Amino acid sequence: MNARTLQGIHHVTAIAGDPQENVDFYVGVLGLRLVKRTVNQDDPGTYHLFYADAIGSPGTDLTFFAWPGAQHGREGAGQASAVALAIPTATLGYWSKRLADHSIAFEGPRPRFDEEVIAFSDFHGQALELVAAPDAGSRQWRAWADSPVPAEFAIRGIHGVTINEATEDPTIPFLTRQLGFRPAGETAGRRRFGVGPGGSGAWLDLTATPSAPRGRVAVGTIHHVAWRTPDDEQQRQWWQQIREMGVPISEIIDRFWFRSIYFREPGGVLFEIATDGPGFMVDERAAARYQGRRTA
């Protein structure tokens, strides 16, 4: 790998409605830890909720801007559409029962590539998938002791994301030639690309719907997808490389727990490249690191 190889997904940020309903779903149903409850740095009147494993490991983090009372968004072209969450292969029965017990409608399990997928939505319409993949159980993560989901069944992190475009070109050349993604398979109109080490946590699935209207970001849709880079130096290299392509890109922004740069791929999906450090534990006392937080 060269010095500018992305290492997989860092986090995904979506838009929620009522923040307490969001907490009830992601903590109470899915068993993730609310590792941070803060406000949107760019809009201090908006809650920003971060869910992850016990310590907020990069690649396990699903975050939400809470827009209570806002209209629902529209899925469409130029938009990330679904977040896939990794689960161990032997847990499909557990999760099917858990979703049913919480009156959450779902489809599957159904096969896709070498995986089994359960598809459903959260309380505000965000499309989600639980993916049982052969390598999901071996991922590095930290169990949260207070989770309502036993550790052996727990979500291991973000498995991948799906983006939808009006056309595959020029997104595919941008992914492969500029960002270092590699083709990894195709099935039923879905093209898969991997980055960095590949495998669970490093997948991007691309679908194309020429007739789809442009997506509109609001409640129940994804705001952006963040990709991992290990440190500030490699992030600066990415910033310089993307800028030299002529792609509009933000300055490097200090998000306290990581640093970020933002740009759009040619189809319109907002991407971020975020550093792995310093991490979510930087501002917590060691004794409080695993304390559960269940309310917004």
Protein backbone atom coordinates (compact mmCIF):
# COMPACT_ATOMS: atom_id res chain seq x y z
CA MET A 1 0.00 0.00 0.00
CA ASN A 2 1.24 3.46 -0.75
CA ALA A 3 1.24 6.29 1.76
CA ARG A 4 -2.16 7.47 0.58
CA THR A 5 -4.21 4.29 0.86
CA LEU A 6 -7.54 4.79 2.58
CA GLN A 7 -8.04 2.20 5.32
CA GLY A 8 -11.80 1.69 5.10
CA ILE A 9 -14.83 3.47 6.53
CA HIS A 10 -14.24 5.84 9.44
CA HIS A 11 -17.89 6.75 10.08
CA VAL A 12 -21.18 7.51 8.39
CA THR A 13 -23.30 10.54 9.30
CA ALA A 14 -27.05 10.62 8.67
CA ILE A 15 -30.01 12.83 9.57
CA ALA A 16 -32.41 11.88 12.38
CA GLY A 17 -35.66 13.37 13.56
CA ASP A 18 -36.35 13.39 17.30
CA PRO A 19 -33.06 12.75 19.15
CA GLN A 20 -34.55 10.62 21.93
CA GLU A 21 -36.22 8.33 19.39
CA ASN A 22 -32.85 8.02 17.69
CA VAL A 23 -31.19 7.01 20.97
CA ASP A 24 -33.99 4.55 21.72
CA PHE A 25 -33.35 2.80 18.41
CA TYR A 26 -29.57 2.72 18.19
CA VAL A 27 -28.93 2.04 21.88
CA GLY A 28 -32.13 0.27 22.90
CA VAL A 29 -32.65 -1.89 19.81
CA LEU A 30 -29.26 -2.19 18.11
CA GLY A 31 -27.23 -2.11 21.31
CA LEU A 32 -24.65 0.48 20.25
CA ARG A 33 -23.06 2.78 22.78
CA LEU A 34 -23.82 6.50 22.67
CA VAL A 35 -20.17 7.49 22.91
CA LYS A 36 -20.71 11.22 22.44
CA ARG A 37 -23.63 13.59 22.69
CA THR A 38 -22.63 17.00 21.44
CA VAL A 39 -23.75 19.62 18.91
CA ASN A 40 -23.00 20.06 15.23
CA GLN A 41 -19.84 22.15 15.08
CA ASP A 42 -21.20 23.94 11.99
CA ASP A 43 -24.71 24.39 13.47
CA PRO A 44 -24.54 24.60 17.29
CA GLY A 45 -28.32 24.45 17.62
CA THR A 46 -28.35 20.86 16.33
CA TYR A 47 -27.59 17.77 18.41
CA HIS A 48 -24.85 15.51 17.04
CA LEU A 49 -25.09 11.94 18.37
CA PHE A 50 -22.28 9.40 17.96
CA TYR A 51 -22.88 5.64 18.29
CA ALA A 52 -20.11 3.05 18.20
CA ASP A 53 -18.45 0.26 20.16
CA ALA A 54 -17.35 0.84 23.76
CA ILE A 55 -14.49 3.19 22.88
CA GLY A 56 -15.60 4.64 19.55
CA SER A 57 -13.11 2.67 17.46
CA PRO A 58 -12.72 4.01 13.90
CA GLY A 59 -14.99 2.05 11.60
CA THR A 60 -17.65 1.39 14.24
CA ASP A 61 -19.09 4.91 14.38
CA LEU A 62 -22.54 5.84 13.07
CA THR A 63 -23.46 9.47 13.78
CA PHE A 64 -26.59 11.58 13.42
CA PHE A 65 -27.53 15.23 13.18
CA ALA A 66 -30.93 15.54 14.88
CA TRP A 67 -33.46 17.66 12.99
CA PRO A 68 -36.68 17.29 15.01
CA GLY A 69 -39.75 18.44 13.11
CA ALA A 70 -37.95 18.54 9.75
CA GLN A 71 -39.36 16.93 6.63
CA HIS A 72 -38.16 13.56 5.43
CA GLY A 73 -35.53 13.42 2.74
CA ARG A 74 -35.76 11.72 -0.62
CA GLU A 75 -33.59 8.84 -1.69
CA GLY A 76 -32.22 9.32 -5.17
CA ALA A 77 -29.19 9.73 -7.36
CA GLY A 78 -26.01 11.28 -6.03
CA GLN A 79 -26.63 9.99 -2.56
CA ALA A 80 -25.40 7.34 -0.15
CA SER A 81 -28.50 5.26 0.47
CA ALA A 82 -27.88 2.45 2.98
CA VAL A 83 -25.52 1.62 5.83
CA ALA A 84 -24.53 -2.03 6.30
CA LEU A 85 -23.62 -3.11 9.85
CA ALA A 86 -21.44 -6.18 10.40
CA ILE A 87 -22.62 -9.08 12.56
CA PRO A 88 -21.11 -12.55 13.14
CA THR A 89 -22.41 -15.24 10.81
CA ALA A 90 -24.11 -17.27 13.55
CA THR A 91 -26.30 -14.38 14.75
CA LEU A 92 -28.89 -14.05 11.97
CA GLY A 93 -31.54 -15.88 13.97
CA TYR A 94 -30.93 -13.72 17.02
CA TRP A 95 -31.26 -10.50 15.05
CA SER A 96 -34.34 -11.61 13.13
CA LYS A 97 -36.04 -12.35 16.44
CA ARG A 98 -34.83 -9.14 18.06
CA LEU A 99 -36.18 -6.97 15.25
CA ALA A 100 -39.49 -8.85 15.29
CA ASP A 101 -39.73 -8.51 19.09
CA HIS A 102 -39.39 -4.73 18.66
CA SER A 103 -42.03 -4.69 15.87
CA ILE A 104 -39.49 -3.60 13.27
CA ALA A 105 -40.32 -4.80 9.76
CA PHE A 106 -37.44 -6.39 7.88
CA GLU A 107 -36.62 -8.37 4.75
CA GLY A 108 -34.36 -11.41 4.61
CA PRO A 109 -32.00 -12.88 5.40
CA ARG A 110 -31.12 -13.00 1.70
CA PRO A 111 -27.79 -13.82 0.01
CA ARG A 112 -25.52 -11.17 -1.50
CA PHE A 113 -21.97 -11.93 -2.57
CA ASP A 114 -20.74 -14.30 0.19
CA GLU A 115 -22.95 -12.66 2.80
CA GLU A 116 -26.45 -12.90 4.27
CA VAL A 117 -28.32 -9.60 4.57
CA ILE A 118 -31.25 -8.44 6.71
CA ALA A 119 -32.67 -5.13 5.43
CA PHE A 120 -34.76 -2.74 7.56
CA SER A 121 -35.10 0.94 8.49
CA ASP A 122 -34.75 2.90 11.71
CA PHE A 123 -37.59 4.87 13.31
CA HIS A 124 -37.00 7.80 10.93
CA GLY A 125 -36.66 5.86 7.69
CA GLN A 126 -32.89 5.49 7.36
CA ALA A 127 -32.13 2.33 5.35
CA LEU A 128 -29.99 -0.14 7.30
CA GLU A 129 -28.66 -3.64 6.77
CA LEU A 130 -27.32 -6.25 9.12
CA VAL A 131 -24.73 -8.23 7.19
CA ALA A 132 -23.45 -11.62 8.31
CA ALA A 133 -20.10 -11.90 6.56
CA PRO A 134 -17.36 -14.49 7.06
CA ASP A 135 -14.86 -11.91 8.33
CA ALA A 136 -17.24 -9.84 10.47
CA GLY A 137 -16.60 -11.82 13.64
CA SER A 138 -12.83 -11.30 13.45
CA ARG A 139 -12.95 -7.50 13.32
CA GLN A 140 -11.23 -5.45 15.99
CA TRP A 141 -13.81 -3.84 18.25
CA ARG A 142 -14.51 -3.35 21.95
CA ALA A 143 -17.66 -4.75 23.53
CA TRP A 144 -19.79 -2.35 25.58
CA ALA A 145 -20.57 -3.99 28.91
CA ASP A 146 -23.92 -2.19 29.34
CA SER A 147 -25.32 -3.04 25.91
CA PRO A 148 -28.76 -4.70 25.85
CA VAL A 149 -27.32 -6.99 23.15
CA PRO A 150 -25.00 -9.74 24.47
CA ALA A 151 -21.44 -9.39 23.22
CA GLU A 152 -21.53 -12.59 21.17
CA PHE A 153 -24.37 -11.15 19.06
CA ALA A 154 -23.24 -7.53 18.98
CA ILE A 155 -22.73 -5.37 15.91
CA ARG A 156 -19.01 -5.25 15.09
CA GLY A 157 -18.97 -1.99 13.16
CA ILE A 158 -19.89 -0.58 9.78
CA HIS A 159 -19.56 -3.26 7.10
CA GLY A 160 -20.02 -1.00 4.09
CA VAL A 161 -22.16 1.62 2.39
CA THR A 162 -24.27 1.72 -0.76
CA ILE A 163 -24.25 4.77 -3.00
CA ASN A 164 -26.72 5.34 -5.81
CA GLU A 165 -25.87 7.29 -8.96
CA ALA A 166 -27.68 8.29 -12.14
CA THR A 167 -24.75 6.76 -14.04
CA GLU A 168 -21.67 4.83 -13.00
CA ASP A 169 -19.41 7.16 -14.98
CA PRO A 170 -17.46 9.14 -13.91
CA THR A 171 -17.75 7.83 -10.34
CA ILE A 172 -15.97 4.53 -11.02
CA PRO A 173 -12.80 6.09 -12.52
CA PHE A 174 -12.71 8.56 -9.63
CA LEU A 175 -12.93 5.76 -7.06
CA THR A 176 -10.38 3.50 -8.71
CA ARG A 177 -7.85 5.92 -10.20
CA GLN A 178 -7.94 8.70 -7.63
CA LEU A 179 -8.98 7.13 -4.31
CA GLY A 180 -7.47 3.67 -4.68
CA PHE A 181 -10.62 1.52 -4.66
CA ARG A 182 -10.49 -1.91 -6.32
CA PRO A 183 -13.34 -3.79 -8.06
CA ALA A 184 -14.45 -6.68 -5.85
CA GLY A 185 -17.48 -8.20 -7.59
CA GLU A 186 -20.85 -7.60 -9.17
CA THR A 187 -24.30 -9.05 -8.50
CA ALA A 188 -27.86 -8.03 -9.41
CA GLY A 189 -26.98 -4.53 -10.59
CA ARG A 190 -24.68 -3.87 -7.63
CA ARG A 191 -20.96 -3.30 -8.16
CA ARG A 192 -18.68 -3.70 -5.16
CA PHE A 193 -15.40 -1.90 -4.52
CA GLY A 194 -12.94 -2.36 -1.69
CA VAL A 195 -10.27 -0.07 -0.34
CA GLY A 196 -7.22 -0.53 1.88
CA PRO A 197 -7.16 -4.02 3.37
CA GLY A 198 -10.61 -4.77 1.94
CA GLY A 199 -13.16 -6.95 3.68
CA SER A 200 -15.72 -5.98 6.29
CA GLY A 201 -15.46 -2.27 7.03
CA ALA A 202 -13.96 -1.36 3.66
CA TRP A 203 -16.75 -1.98 1.12
CA LEU A 204 -18.52 0.51 -1.12
CA ASP A 205 -21.40 -0.84 -3.21
CA LEU A 206 -22.47 1.18 -6.25
CA THR A 207 -25.89 1.04 -7.89
CA ALA A 208 -27.04 3.11 -10.86
CA THR A 209 -30.61 4.27 -11.46
CA PRO A 210 -30.72 6.53 -14.55
CA SER A 211 -34.36 7.51 -13.99
CA ALA A 212 -33.94 8.41 -10.31
CA PRO A 213 -34.40 12.04 -9.26
CA ARG A 214 -31.63 13.71 -7.32
CA GLY A 215 -31.64 12.73 -3.68
CA ARG A 216 -32.54 15.32 -1.07
CA VAL A 217 -30.78 15.26 2.29
CA ALA A 218 -33.18 15.53 5.23
CA VAL A 219 -34.55 13.18 7.89
CA GLY A 220 -33.96 9.52 7.08
CA THR A 221 -31.08 10.05 4.65
CA ILE A 222 -27.29 9.94 4.77
CA HIS A 223 -25.39 13.21 4.97
CA HIS A 224 -21.87 11.94 4.23
CA VAL A 225 -19.51 8.97 4.28
CA ALA A 226 -16.11 9.31 5.96
CA TRP A 227 -13.07 7.25 5.01
CA ARG A 228 -10.15 6.45 7.30
CA THR A 229 -6.62 7.78 7.10
CA PRO A 230 -4.25 7.00 9.96
CA ASP A 231 -2.68 10.38 10.69
CA ASP A 232 -2.38 14.08 9.92
CA GLU A 233 0.48 13.68 7.45
CA GLN A 234 -1.39 11.25 5.23
CA GLN A 235 -4.48 13.44 5.42
CA ARG A 236 -2.43 16.42 4.20
CA GLN A 237 -1.23 14.30 1.30
CA TRP A 238 -4.84 13.44 0.43
CA TRP A 239 -5.84 17.10 0.66
CA GLN A 240 -3.06 18.09 -1.72
CA GLN A 241 -3.81 15.27 -4.16
CA ILE A 242 -7.55 15.97 -4.35
CA ARG A 243 -6.95 19.71 -4.66
CA GLU A 244 -4.57 19.09 -7.57
CA MET A 245 -7.33 17.14 -9.34
CA GLY A 246 -9.35 20.35 -9.44
CA VAL A 247 -11.98 18.93 -7.08
CA PRO A 248 -13.37 21.53 -4.64
CA ILE A 249 -12.27 20.51 -1.15
CA SER A 250 -12.60 22.00 2.32
CA GLU A 251 -9.71 23.08 4.44
CA ILE A 252 -8.61 20.65 7.15
CA ILE A 253 -11.13 21.00 9.98
CA ASP A 254 -10.36 20.05 13.59
CA ARG A 255 -13.28 17.99 14.93
CA PHE A 256 -11.43 17.49 18.25
CA TRP A 257 -11.70 13.67 18.16
CA PHE A 258 -10.41 13.57 14.58
CA ARG A 259 -9.58 15.92 11.73
CA SER A 260 -11.60 16.10 8.54
CA ILE A 261 -11.56 17.16 4.91
CA TYR A 262 -14.69 17.16 2.72
CA PHE A 263 -15.29 16.89 -1.02
CA ARG A 264 -17.86 15.44 -3.41
CA GLU A 265 -17.25 12.56 -5.78
CA PRO A 266 -18.38 13.25 -9.38
CA GLY A 267 -21.89 11.88 -8.84
CA GLY A 268 -22.50 14.21 -5.90
CA VAL A 269 -22.05 12.04 -2.79
CA LEU A 270 -20.32 13.96 0.00
CA PHE A 271 -17.13 12.21 1.14
CA GLU A 272 -14.93 12.95 4.11
CA ILE A 273 -11.43 11.72 4.89
CA ALA A 274 -10.97 11.59 8.66
CA THR A 275 -7.96 10.77 10.81
CA ASP A 276 -8.07 7.80 13.16
CA GLY A 277 -6.87 9.91 16.06
CA PRO A 278 -6.83 11.31 18.58
CA GLY A 279 -10.08 9.37 19.16
CA PHE A 280 -13.19 9.65 21.30
CA MET A 281 -11.47 8.74 24.57
CA VAL A 282 -9.16 11.76 24.50
CA ASP A 283 -11.52 13.82 26.69
CA GLU A 284 -12.74 11.11 29.06
CA ARG A 285 -11.25 9.99 32.36
CA ALA A 286 -10.10 6.38 32.23
CA ALA A 287 -12.53 5.37 34.97
CA ALA A 288 -15.48 6.71 32.98
CA ARG A 289 -14.57 5.29 29.58
CA TYR A 290 -17.09 2.47 29.58
CA GLN A 291 -19.96 4.22 31.34
CA GLY A 292 -23.22 3.75 29.43
CA ARG A 293 -25.29 6.72 28.31
CA ARG A 294 -28.85 5.97 27.37
CA THR A 295 -30.61 9.30 27.09
CA ALA A 296 -30.37 12.29 24.83
